[in-house]
PDB file of N, CA and C in Angstrom:
ATOM      1  N   MET A   1     200.176  31.301 110.326  1.00  0.00           N
ATOM      2  CA  MET A   1     200.274  30.059 111.179  1.00  0.00           C
ATOM      3  C   MET A   1     198.789  30.305 111.958  1.00  0.00           C
ATOM      4  N   SER A   2     198.245  29.067 111.973  1.00  0.00           N
ATOM      5  CA  SER A   2     196.954  29.011 112.566  1.00  0.00           C
ATOM      6  C   SER A   2     197.166  28.817 114.117  1.00  0.00           C
ATOM      7  N   PHE A   3     195.989  27.986 114.774  1.00  0.00           N
ATOM      8  CA  PHE A   3     196.226  28.042 116.137  1.00  0.00           C
ATOM      9  C   PHE A   3     196.385  26.434 116.239  1.00  0.00           C
ATOM     10  N   GLU A   4     196.773  26.278 117.737  1.00  0.00           N
ATOM     11  CA  GLU A   4     196.734  24.897 118.402  1.00  0.00           C
ATOM     12  C   GLU A   4     195.991  24.957 119.715  1.00  0.00           C
ATOM     13  N   LEU A   5     195.259  24.218 119.977  1.00  0.00           N
ATOM     14  CA  LEU A   5     194.221  24.218 121.073  1.00  0.00           C
ATOM     15  C   LEU A   5     194.675  22.798 122.084  1.00  0.00           C
ATOM     16  N   LYS A   6     195.382  22.949 123.236  1.00  0.00           N
ATOM     17  CA  LYS A   6     196.187  21.743 123.855  1.00  0.00           C
ATOM     18  C   LYS A   6     195.548  21.816 125.275  1.00  0.00           C
ATOM     19  N   GLU A   7     195.198  20.731 125.682  1.00  0.00           N
ATOM     20  CA  GLU A   7     194.923  20.798 127.134  1.00  0.00           C
ATOM     21  C   GLU A   7     196.111  20.208 128.010  1.00  0.00           C
ATOM     22  N   GLN A   8     196.408  21.015 129.151  1.00  0.00           N
ATOM     23  CA  GLN A   8     197.404  20.663 130.108  1.00  0.00           C
ATOM     24  C   GLN A   8     196.927  20.951 131.438  1.00  0.00           C
ATOM     25  N   HIS A   9     196.727  19.921 132.151  1.00  0.00           N
ATOM     26  CA  HIS A   9     196.528  19.798 133.557  1.00  0.00           C
ATOM     27  C   HIS A   9     195.092  20.822 133.581  1.00  0.00           C
ATOM     28  N   GLY A  10     194.054  20.361 132.794  1.00  0.00           N
ATOM     29  CA  GLY A  10     192.682  21.156 133.161  1.00  0.00           C
ATOM     30  C   GLY A  10     192.590  22.346 132.229  1.00  0.00           C
ATOM     31  N   MET A  11     193.588  22.982 131.685  1.00  0.00           N
ATOM     32  CA  MET A  11     193.674  24.199 131.158  1.00  0.00           C
ATOM     33  C   MET A  11     194.122  24.424 129.719  1.00  0.00           C
ATOM     34  N   PHE A  12     193.031  24.930 128.974  1.00  0.00           N
ATOM     35  CA  PHE A  12     193.121  24.727 127.352  1.00  0.00           C
ATOM     36  C   PHE A  12     194.215  25.747 126.897  1.00  0.00           C
ATOM     37  N   ASN A  13     195.370  25.583 126.614  1.00  0.00           N
ATOM     38  CA  ASN A  13     196.272  26.546 125.902  1.00  0.00           C
ATOM     39  C   ASN A  13     196.146  27.109 124.607  1.00  0.00           C
ATOM     40  N   VAL A  14     196.114  27.902 124.265  1.00  0.00           N
ATOM     41  CA  VAL A  14     196.059  28.342 122.807  1.00  0.00           C
ATOM     42  C   VAL A  14     197.400  28.814 122.259  1.00  0.00           C
ATOM     43  N   TYR A  15     197.692  28.255 121.408  1.00  0.00           N
ATOM     44  CA  TYR A  15     199.238  28.736 120.399  1.00  0.00           C
ATOM     45  C   TYR A  15     198.863  29.173 119.125  1.00  0.00           C
ATOM     46  N   GLY A  16     199.946  30.028 118.730  1.00  0.00           N
ATOM     47  CA  GLY A  16     199.688  30.854 117.277  1.00  0.00           C
ATOM     48  C   GLY A  16     198.667  31.872 117.254  1.00  0.00           C
ATOM     49  N   ASN A  17     198.023  31.910 116.253  1.00  0.00           N
ATOM     50  CA  ASN A  17     197.526  32.926 115.811  1.00  0.00           C
ATOM     51  C   ASN A  17     195.823  32.958 115.788  1.00  0.00           C
ATOM     52  N   ILE A  18     194.808  33.799 116.321  1.00  0.00           N
ATOM     53  CA  ILE A  18     193.395  33.934 116.015  1.00  0.00           C
ATOM     54  C   ILE A  18     193.280  35.009 115.252  1.00  0.00           C
ATOM     55  N   SER A  19     192.421  34.505 114.074  1.00  0.00           N
ATOM     56  CA  SER A  19     192.267  35.415 113.242  1.00  0.00           C
ATOM     57  C   SER A  19     190.767  35.194 112.607  1.00  0.00           C
ATOM     58  N   SER A  20     190.494  36.006 111.880  1.00  0.00           N
ATOM     59  CA  SER A  20     189.210  35.998 110.840  1.00  0.00           C
ATOM     60  C   SER A  20     189.092  34.628 110.128  1.00  0.00           C
ATOM     61  N   LYS A  21     190.452  34.349 109.453  1.00  0.00           N
ATOM     62  CA  LYS A  21     190.536  33.439 108.871  1.00  0.00           C
ATOM     63  C   LYS A  21     190.379  32.161 109.518  1.00  0.00           C
ATOM     64  N   ASN A  22     190.507  31.787 110.664  1.00  0.00           N
ATOM     65  CA  ASN A  22     190.221  30.421 111.449  1.00  0.00           C
ATOM     66  C   ASN A  22     189.407  30.655 112.798  1.00  0.00           C
ATOM     67  N   MET A  23     188.913  31.957 112.598  1.00  0.00           N
ATOM     68  CA  MET A  23     187.942  32.017 113.933  1.00  0.00           C
ATOM     69  C   MET A  23     186.904  31.152 114.136  1.00  0.00           C
ATOM     70  N   ASN A  24     186.183  30.699 112.768  1.00  0.00           N
ATOM     71  CA  ASN A  24     185.129  29.747 112.914  1.00  0.00           C
ATOM     72  C   ASN A  24     185.647  28.522 113.716  1.00  0.00           C
ATOM     73  N   ASN A  25     186.487  28.099 113.142  1.00  0.00           N
ATOM     74  CA  ASN A  25     187.323  26.734 113.649  1.00  0.00           C
ATOM     75  C   ASN A  25     187.290  26.843 115.110  1.00  0.00           C
ATOM     76  N   PHE A  26     187.848  27.932 115.409  1.00  0.00           N
ATOM     77  CA  PHE A  26     188.273  28.195 116.848  1.00  0.00           C
ATOM     78  C   PHE A  26     186.821  28.340 117.824  1.00  0.00           C
ATOM     79  N   GLU A  27     186.031  28.868 117.266  1.00  0.00           N
ATOM     80  CA  GLU A  27     184.953  29.287 117.835  1.00  0.00           C
ATOM     81  C   GLU A  27     183.989  27.881 117.960  1.00  0.00           C
ATOM     82  N   SER A  28     184.006  27.069 116.847  1.00  0.00           N
ATOM     83  CA  SER A  28     183.561  25.650 116.893  1.00  0.00           C
ATOM     84  C   SER A  28     183.848  24.942 118.240  1.00  0.00           C
ATOM     85  N   ARG A  29     185.523  24.809 118.230  1.00  0.00           N
ATOM     86  CA  ARG A  29     186.199  23.880 119.151  1.00  0.00           C
ATOM     87  C   ARG A  29     185.558  24.482 120.575  1.00  0.00           C
ATOM     88  N   LEU A  30     185.647  25.602 120.735  1.00  0.00           N
ATOM     89  CA  LEU A  30     185.454  26.218 122.260  1.00  0.00           C
ATOM     90  C   LEU A  30     183.958  26.033 122.215  1.00  0.00           C
ATOM     91  N   GLN A  31     182.951  26.107 121.721  1.00  0.00           N
ATOM     92  CA  GLN A  31     181.453  25.907 121.873  1.00  0.00           C
ATOM     93  C   GLN A  31     181.251  24.167 122.453  1.00  0.00           C
ATOM     94  N   GLN A  32     182.183  23.430 121.603  1.00  0.00           N
ATOM     95  CA  GLN A  32     182.221  22.079 121.859  1.00  0.00           C
ATOM     96  C   GLN A  32     182.606  21.913 123.346  1.00  0.00           C
ATOM     97  N   LEU A  33     183.650  22.527 123.687  1.00  0.00           N
ATOM     98  CA  LEU A  33     183.981  22.464 125.149  1.00  0.00           C
ATOM     99  C   LEU A  33     183.032  23.139 126.456  1.00  0.00           C
ATOM    100  N   ILE A  34     182.408  24.255 125.849  1.00  0.00           N
ATOM    101  CA  ILE A  34     181.426  24.753 126.807  1.00  0.00           C
ATOM    102  C   ILE A  34     180.450  23.951 126.992  1.00  0.00           C
ATOM    103  N   GLN A  35     180.018  23.334 125.689  1.00  0.00           N
ATOM    104  CA  GLN A  35     178.912  22.201 126.014  1.00  0.00           C
ATOM    105  C   GLN A  35     178.785  21.023 126.969  1.00  0.00           C
ATOM    106  N   LYS A  36     180.520  20.766 127.098  1.00  0.00           N
ATOM    107  CA  LYS A  36     180.665  19.621 127.884  1.00  0.00           C
ATOM    108  C   LYS A  36     181.111  19.720 129.229  1.00  0.00           C
ATOM    109  N   GLN A  37     181.573  21.256 129.298  1.00  0.00           N
ATOM    110  CA  GLN A  37     182.148  21.543 130.738  1.00  0.00           C
ATOM    111  C   GLN A  37     181.411  22.590 131.315  1.00  0.00           C
ATOM    112  N   GLU A  38     181.289  22.768 132.674  1.00  0.00           N
ATOM    113  CA  GLU A  38     180.879  23.711 133.496  1.00  0.00           C
ATOM    114  C   GLU A  38     181.923  24.872 133.635  1.00  0.00           C
ATOM    115  N   HIS A  39     183.118  24.663 133.685  1.00  0.00           N
ATOM    116  CA  HIS A  39     184.243  25.874 133.970  1.00  0.00           C
ATOM    117  C   HIS A  39     185.129  25.296 133.010  1.00  0.00           C
ATOM    118  N   ILE A  40     185.412  26.144 132.164  1.00  0.00           N
ATOM    119  CA  ILE A  40     186.531  26.191 131.213  1.00  0.00           C
ATOM    120  C   ILE A  40     187.602  27.351 131.538  1.00  0.00           C
ATOM    121  N   ILE A  41     188.873  26.705 131.560  1.00  0.00           N
ATOM    122  CA  ILE A  41     189.868  27.792 131.801  1.00  0.00           C
ATOM    123  C   ILE A  41     190.592  27.787 130.608  1.00  0.00           C
ATOM    124  N   LEU A  42     190.786  28.871 129.713  1.00  0.00           N
ATOM    125  CA  LEU A  42     191.406  29.102 128.305  1.00  0.00           C
ATOM    126  C   LEU A  42     192.400  30.174 128.530  1.00  0.00           C
ATOM    127  N   SER A  43     193.883  29.547 128.298  1.00  0.00           N
ATOM    128  CA  SER A  43     194.761  30.627 128.035  1.00  0.00           C
ATOM    129  C   SER A  43     195.140  31.014 126.963  1.00  0.00           C
ATOM    130  N   VAL A  44     195.139  32.407 126.565  1.00  0.00           N
ATOM    131  CA  VAL A  44     195.681  33.012 125.253  1.00  0.00           C
ATOM    132  C   VAL A  44     196.914  33.737 125.489  1.00  0.00           C
ATOM    133  N   GLU A  45     197.816  33.091 126.534  1.00  0.00           N
ATOM    134  CA  GLU A  45     198.986  33.832 126.924  1.00  0.00           C
ATOM    135  C   GLU A  45     200.146  33.816 126.029  1.00  0.00           C
ATOM    136  N   ARG A  46     199.839  32.465 124.915  1.00  0.00           N
ATOM    137  CA  ARG A  46     200.970  32.319 124.014  1.00  0.00           C
ATOM    138  C   ARG A  46     200.457  32.407 122.366  1.00  0.00           C
ATOM    139  N   VAL A  47     199.226  33.208 122.485  1.00  0.00           N
ATOM    140  CA  VAL A  47     198.913  33.552 121.259  1.00  0.00           C
ATOM    141  C   VAL A  47     199.728  34.621 120.667  1.00  0.00           C
ATOM    142  N   LYS A  48     200.112  34.594 119.240  1.00  0.00           N
ATOM    143  CA  LYS A  48     201.106  35.698 118.946  1.00  0.00           C
ATOM    144  C   LYS A  48     200.442  36.840 118.319  1.00  0.00           C
ATOM    145  N   HIS A  49     198.951  36.498 117.821  1.00  0.00           N
ATOM    146  CA  HIS A  49     198.315  37.599 116.970  1.00  0.00           C
ATOM    147  C   HIS A  49     196.716  37.167 117.230  1.00  0.00           C
ATOM    148  N   ILE A  50     196.253  38.166 117.340  1.00  0.00           N
ATOM    149  CA  ILE A  50     194.488  38.311 117.459  1.00  0.00           C
ATOM    150  C   ILE A  50     194.190  39.470 116.457  1.00  0.00           C
ATOM    151  N   ASP A  51     193.182  39.386 115.712  1.00  0.00           N
ATOM    152  CA  ASP A  51     192.912  40.467 115.061  1.00  0.00           C
ATOM    153  C   ASP A  51     191.297  40.831 115.461  1.00  0.00           C
ATOM    154  N   LYS A  52     190.814  42.098 114.982  1.00  0.00           N
ATOM    155  CA  LYS A  52     189.501  42.705 115.618  1.00  0.00           C
ATOM    156  C   LYS A  52     188.424  41.659 115.597  1.00  0.00           C
ATOM    157  N   LYS A  53     188.074  40.930 114.610  1.00  0.00           N
ATOM    158  CA  LYS A  53     187.134  40.217 114.534  1.00  0.00           C
ATOM    159  C   LYS A  53     187.244  38.921 115.581  1.00  0.00           C
ATOM    160  N   ALA A  54     188.006  38.367 115.464  1.00  0.00           N
ATOM    161  CA  ALA A  54     188.550  37.388 116.424  1.00  0.00           C
ATOM    162  C   ALA A  54     188.602  37.621 118.168  1.00  0.00           C
ATOM    163  N   ALA A  55     189.045  38.888 118.336  1.00  0.00           N
ATOM    164  CA  ALA A  55     188.831  39.484 119.686  1.00  0.00           C
ATOM    165  C   ALA A  55     186.967  39.607 119.832  1.00  0.00           C
ATOM    166  N   LEU A  56     186.398  40.163 118.928  1.00  0.00           N
ATOM    167  CA  LEU A  56     185.221  40.326 119.452  1.00  0.00           C
ATOM    168  C   LEU A  56     184.530  38.915 119.319  1.00  0.00           C
ATOM    169  N   MET A  57     184.783  37.797 118.666  1.00  0.00           N
ATOM    170  CA  MET A  57     184.264  36.383 118.727  1.00  0.00           C
ATOM    171  C   MET A  57     184.621  35.930 119.936  1.00  0.00           C
ATOM    172  N   LEU A  58     185.761  36.161 120.775  1.00  0.00           N
ATOM    173  CA  LEU A  58     186.081  35.524 121.827  1.00  0.00           C
ATOM    174  C   LEU A  58     185.049  36.471 123.076  1.00  0.00           C
ATOM    175  N   GLU A  59     185.057  37.571 123.079  1.00  0.00           N
ATOM    176  CA  GLU A  59     183.957  38.399 123.829  1.00  0.00           C
ATOM    177  C   GLU A  59     182.762  37.884 123.464  1.00  0.00           C
ATOM    178  N   LYS A  60     182.339  37.448 122.519  1.00  0.00           N
ATOM    179  CA  LYS A  60     180.833  36.662 122.322  1.00  0.00           C
ATOM    180  C   LYS A  60     180.869  35.292 123.102  1.00  0.00           C
ATOM    181  N   LEU A  61     181.737  34.537 122.880  1.00  0.00           N
ATOM    182  CA  LEU A  61     181.896  33.556 123.416  1.00  0.00           C
ATOM    183  C   LEU A  61     181.962  33.481 125.006  1.00  0.00           C
ATOM    184  N   TYR A  62     182.631  34.326 125.560  1.00  0.00           N
ATOM    185  CA  TYR A  62     182.497  34.834 126.962  1.00  0.00           C
ATOM    186  C   TYR A  62     180.992  35.145 127.269  1.00  0.00           C
ATOM    187  N   LYS A  63     180.254  35.798 126.714  1.00  0.00           N
ATOM    188  CA  LYS A  63     178.976  35.988 127.387  1.00  0.00           C
ATOM    189  C   LYS A  63     178.121  35.016 126.940  1.00  0.00           C
ATOM    190  N   LYS A  64     178.282  34.247 125.918  1.00  0.00           N
ATOM    191  CA  LYS A  64     177.457  33.131 125.706  1.00  0.00           C
ATOM    192  C   LYS A  64     177.509  31.976 126.903  1.00  0.00           C
ATOM    193  N   ALA A  65     178.767  31.801 127.368  1.00  0.00           N
ATOM    194  CA  ALA A  65     179.119  30.774 128.231  1.00  0.00           C
ATOM    195  C   ALA A  65     178.149  31.289 129.596  1.00  0.00           C
ATOM    196  N   ALA A  66     178.496  32.681 129.679  1.00  0.00           N
ATOM    197  CA  ALA A  66     177.721  33.061 131.150  1.00  0.00           C
ATOM    198  C   ALA A  66     175.943  33.051 131.116  1.00  0.00           C
ATOM    199  N   ILE A  67     175.716  33.323 129.817  1.00  0.00           N
ATOM    200  CA  ILE A  67     174.282  33.017 129.959  1.00  0.00           C
ATOM    201  C   ILE A  67     173.852  31.638 129.807  1.00  0.00           C
ATOM    202  N   GLN A  68     174.501  30.655 129.645  1.00  0.00           N
ATOM    203  CA  GLN A  68     174.437  29.428 129.553  1.00  0.00           C
ATOM    204  C   GLN A  68     174.917  28.854 130.989  1.00  0.00           C
ATOM    205  N   ASN A  69     174.956  29.605 131.962  1.00  0.00           N
ATOM    206  CA  ASN A  69     175.478  29.107 133.585  1.00  0.00           C
ATOM    207  C   ASN A  69     176.907  28.478 133.205  1.00  0.00           C
ATOM    208  N   LYS A  70     177.509  28.839 132.575  1.00  0.00           N
ATOM    209  CA  LYS A  70     178.781  28.324 132.593  1.00  0.00           C
ATOM    210  C   LYS A  70     180.106  29.153 132.870  1.00  0.00           C
ATOM    211  N   VAL A  71     181.106  28.995 133.181  1.00  0.00           N
ATOM    212  CA  VAL A  71     182.181  29.740 133.439  1.00  0.00           C
ATOM    213  C   VAL A  71     183.362  29.564 132.462  1.00  0.00           C
ATOM    214  N   LEU A  72     183.525  30.768 131.637  1.00  0.00           N
ATOM    215  CA  LEU A  72     184.868  30.488 130.773  1.00  0.00           C
ATOM    216  C   LEU A  72     185.943  31.850 131.567  1.00  0.00           C
ATOM    217  N   THR A  73     186.770  30.939 132.249  1.00  0.00           N
ATOM    218  CA  THR A  73     187.875  31.979 132.637  1.00  0.00           C
ATOM    219  C   THR A  73     189.115  32.079 131.312  1.00  0.00           C
ATOM    220  N   ILE A  74     189.238  33.341 131.147  1.00  0.00           N
ATOM    221  CA  ILE A  74     190.505  33.496 130.305  1.00  0.00           C
ATOM    222  C   ILE A  74     191.510  34.300 130.806  1.00  0.00           C
ATOM    223  N   MET A  75     192.589  33.294 130.621  1.00  0.00           N
ATOM    224  CA  MET A  75     193.767  34.190 130.872  1.00  0.00           C
ATOM    225  C   MET A  75     194.429  34.755 129.823  1.00  0.00           C
ATOM    226  N   GLY A  76     195.440  35.739 130.231  1.00  0.00           N
ATOM    227  CA  GLY A  76     196.342  36.452 128.778  1.00  0.00           C
ATOM    228  C   GLY A  76     196.366  37.880 129.205  1.00  0.00           C
ATOM    229  N   ARG A  77     195.968  38.286 130.274  1.00  0.00           N
ATOM    230  CA  ARG A  77     196.007  39.830 130.379  1.00  0.00           C
ATOM    231  C   ARG A  77     197.500  40.483 129.968  1.00  0.00           C
ATOM    232  N   GLN A  78     198.450  39.430 130.484  1.00  0.00           N
ATOM    233  CA  GLN A  78     200.052  40.125 130.460  1.00  0.00           C
ATOM    234  C   GLN A  78     200.476  39.744 128.890  1.00  0.00           C
ATOM    235  N   ASN A  79     199.707  39.267 128.106  1.00  0.00           N
ATOM    236  CA  ASN A  79     200.168  39.075 127.011  1.00  0.00           C
ATOM    237  C   ASN A  79     200.395  40.251 125.753  1.00  0.00           C
ATOM    238  N   ARG A  80     201.363  40.631 125.759  1.00  0.00           N
ATOM    239  CA  ARG A  80     201.669  41.950 125.058  1.00  0.00           C
ATOM    240  C   ARG A  80     201.613  41.923 123.602  1.00  0.00           C
ATOM    241  N   ASP A  81     201.520  40.784 123.061  1.00  0.00           N
ATOM    242  CA  ASP A  81     201.292  40.491 121.606  1.00  0.00           C
ATOM    243  C   ASP A  81     199.891  40.776 121.086  1.00  0.00           C
ATOM    244  N   ILE A  82     198.793  40.735 121.988  1.00  0.00           N
ATOM    245  CA  ILE A  82     197.549  40.848 121.698  1.00  0.00           C
ATOM    246  C   ILE A  82     196.688  41.875 122.679  1.00  0.00           C
ATOM    247  N   ALA A  83     197.808  42.661 123.505  1.00  0.00           N
ATOM    248  CA  ALA A  83     197.020  43.566 124.109  1.00  0.00           C
ATOM    249  C   ALA A  83     196.506  45.084 123.835  1.00  0.00           C
ATOM    250  N   ALA A  84     197.196  45.266 122.642  1.00  0.00           N
ATOM    251  CA  ALA A  84     196.657  46.487 121.914  1.00  0.00           C
ATOM    252  C   ALA A  84     195.386  46.112 121.114  1.00  0.00           C
ATOM    253  N   THR A  85     195.222  45.181 120.439  1.00  0.00           N
ATOM    254  CA  THR A  85     193.888  44.759 119.891  1.00  0.00           C
ATOM    255  C   THR A  85     192.673  44.431 120.700  1.00  0.00           C
ATOM    256  N   MET A  86     193.106  43.906 121.951  1.00  0.00           N
ATOM    257  CA  MET A  86     192.208  43.577 123.006  1.00  0.00           C
ATOM    258  C   MET A  86     191.610  45.167 123.479  1.00  0.00           C
ATOM    259  N   ALA A  87     192.457  45.981 123.653  1.00  0.00           N
ATOM    260  CA  ALA A  87     191.979  47.385 124.250  1.00  0.00           C
ATOM    261  C   ALA A  87     191.285  48.091 123.110  1.00  0.00           C
ATOM    262  N   LYS A  88     191.799  48.181 122.018  1.00  0.00           N
ATOM    263  CA  LYS A  88     190.959  48.802 120.855  1.00  0.00           C
ATOM    264  C   LYS A  88     189.703  48.306 120.538  1.00  0.00           C
ATOM    265  N   THR A  89     189.613  47.032 120.812  1.00  0.00           N
ATOM    266  CA  THR A  89     188.024  46.683 120.709  1.00  0.00           C
ATOM    267  C   THR A  89     187.322  46.624 121.985  1.00  0.00           C
ATOM    268  N   LYS A  90     187.939  46.940 123.136  1.00  0.00           N
ATOM    269  CA  LYS A  90     187.405  47.078 124.312  1.00  0.00           C
ATOM    270  C   LYS A  90     186.814  45.557 125.088  1.00  0.00           C
ATOM    271  N   THR A  91     187.806  44.756 124.592  1.00  0.00           N
ATOM    272  CA  THR A  91     187.188  43.417 125.260  1.00  0.00           C
ATOM    273  C   THR A  91     188.240  42.845 126.133  1.00  0.00           C
ATOM    274  N   ASN A  92     189.203  43.763 126.509  1.00  0.00           N
ATOM    275  CA  ASN A  92     190.258  43.365 127.527  1.00  0.00           C
ATOM    276  C   ASN A  92     189.534  42.989 129.070  1.00  0.00           C
ATOM    277  N   TYR A  93     188.012  43.426 129.074  1.00  0.00           N
ATOM    278  CA  TYR A  93     187.661  43.084 130.525  1.00  0.00           C
ATOM    279  C   TYR A  93     187.292  41.653 130.698  1.00  0.00           C
ATOM    280  N   ILE A  94     187.195  40.709 129.590  1.00  0.00           N
ATOM    281  CA  ILE A  94     187.045  39.522 129.356  1.00  0.00           C
ATOM    282  C   ILE A  94     188.366  38.605 130.236  1.00  0.00           C
ATOM    283  N   PHE A  95     189.218  39.158 130.344  1.00  0.00           N
ATOM    284  CA  PHE A  95     190.257  38.766 131.097  1.00  0.00           C
ATOM    285  C   PHE A  95     190.275  38.204 132.665  1.00  0.00           C
ATOM    286  N   SER A  96     190.690  37.134 133.057  1.00  0.00           N
ATOM    287  CA  SER A  96     190.738  36.880 134.299  1.00  0.00           C
ATOM    288  C   SER A  96     191.794  37.943 135.049  1.00  0.00           C
ATOM    289  N   SER A  97     191.594  38.488 136.156  1.00  0.00           N
ATOM    290  CA  SER A  97     192.607  39.167 136.787  1.00  0.00           C
ATOM    291  C   SER A  97     193.523  38.505 137.650  1.00  0.00           C
ATOM    292  N   ASP A  98     193.073  37.224 137.654  1.00  0.00           N
ATOM    293  CA  ASP A  98     194.210  36.093 138.653  1.00  0.00           C
ATOM    294  C   ASP A  98     194.594  35.172 137.994  1.00  0.00           C
ATOM    295  N   ARG A  99     195.890  34.972 138.185  1.00  0.00           N
ATOM    296  CA  ARG A  99     196.599  33.767 137.433  1.00  0.00           C
ATOM    297  C   ARG A  99     196.218  32.726 138.305  1.00  0.00           C
ATOM    298  N   ILE A 100     195.987  31.340 137.366  1.00  0.00           N
ATOM    299  CA  ILE A 100     195.873  30.082 138.350  1.00  0.00           C
ATOM    300  C   ILE A 100     197.214  29.259 138.301  1.00  0.00           C
TER     301      ILE A 100
END
């Protein structure tokens, strides 16, 4: 299963899997959002699987948004399905500590 990106009440929810197979499409869609908006709230709480390359891509987008003076808030610290991969890649710091 690939991913779905749905906007609900100003938050973009990701459903499914983010992997090296679909990360270029995911990255492209997120970059479009970053270009259009100053602050993006992205929830990965419903992601079932993320691989190492996709976790590193998410970190890259997080840093890129900051360089462009944009805010990318990523929700999903409590998602146990992706926690191990995020910890192994040392990318779990990109998660917001607050829930909205």
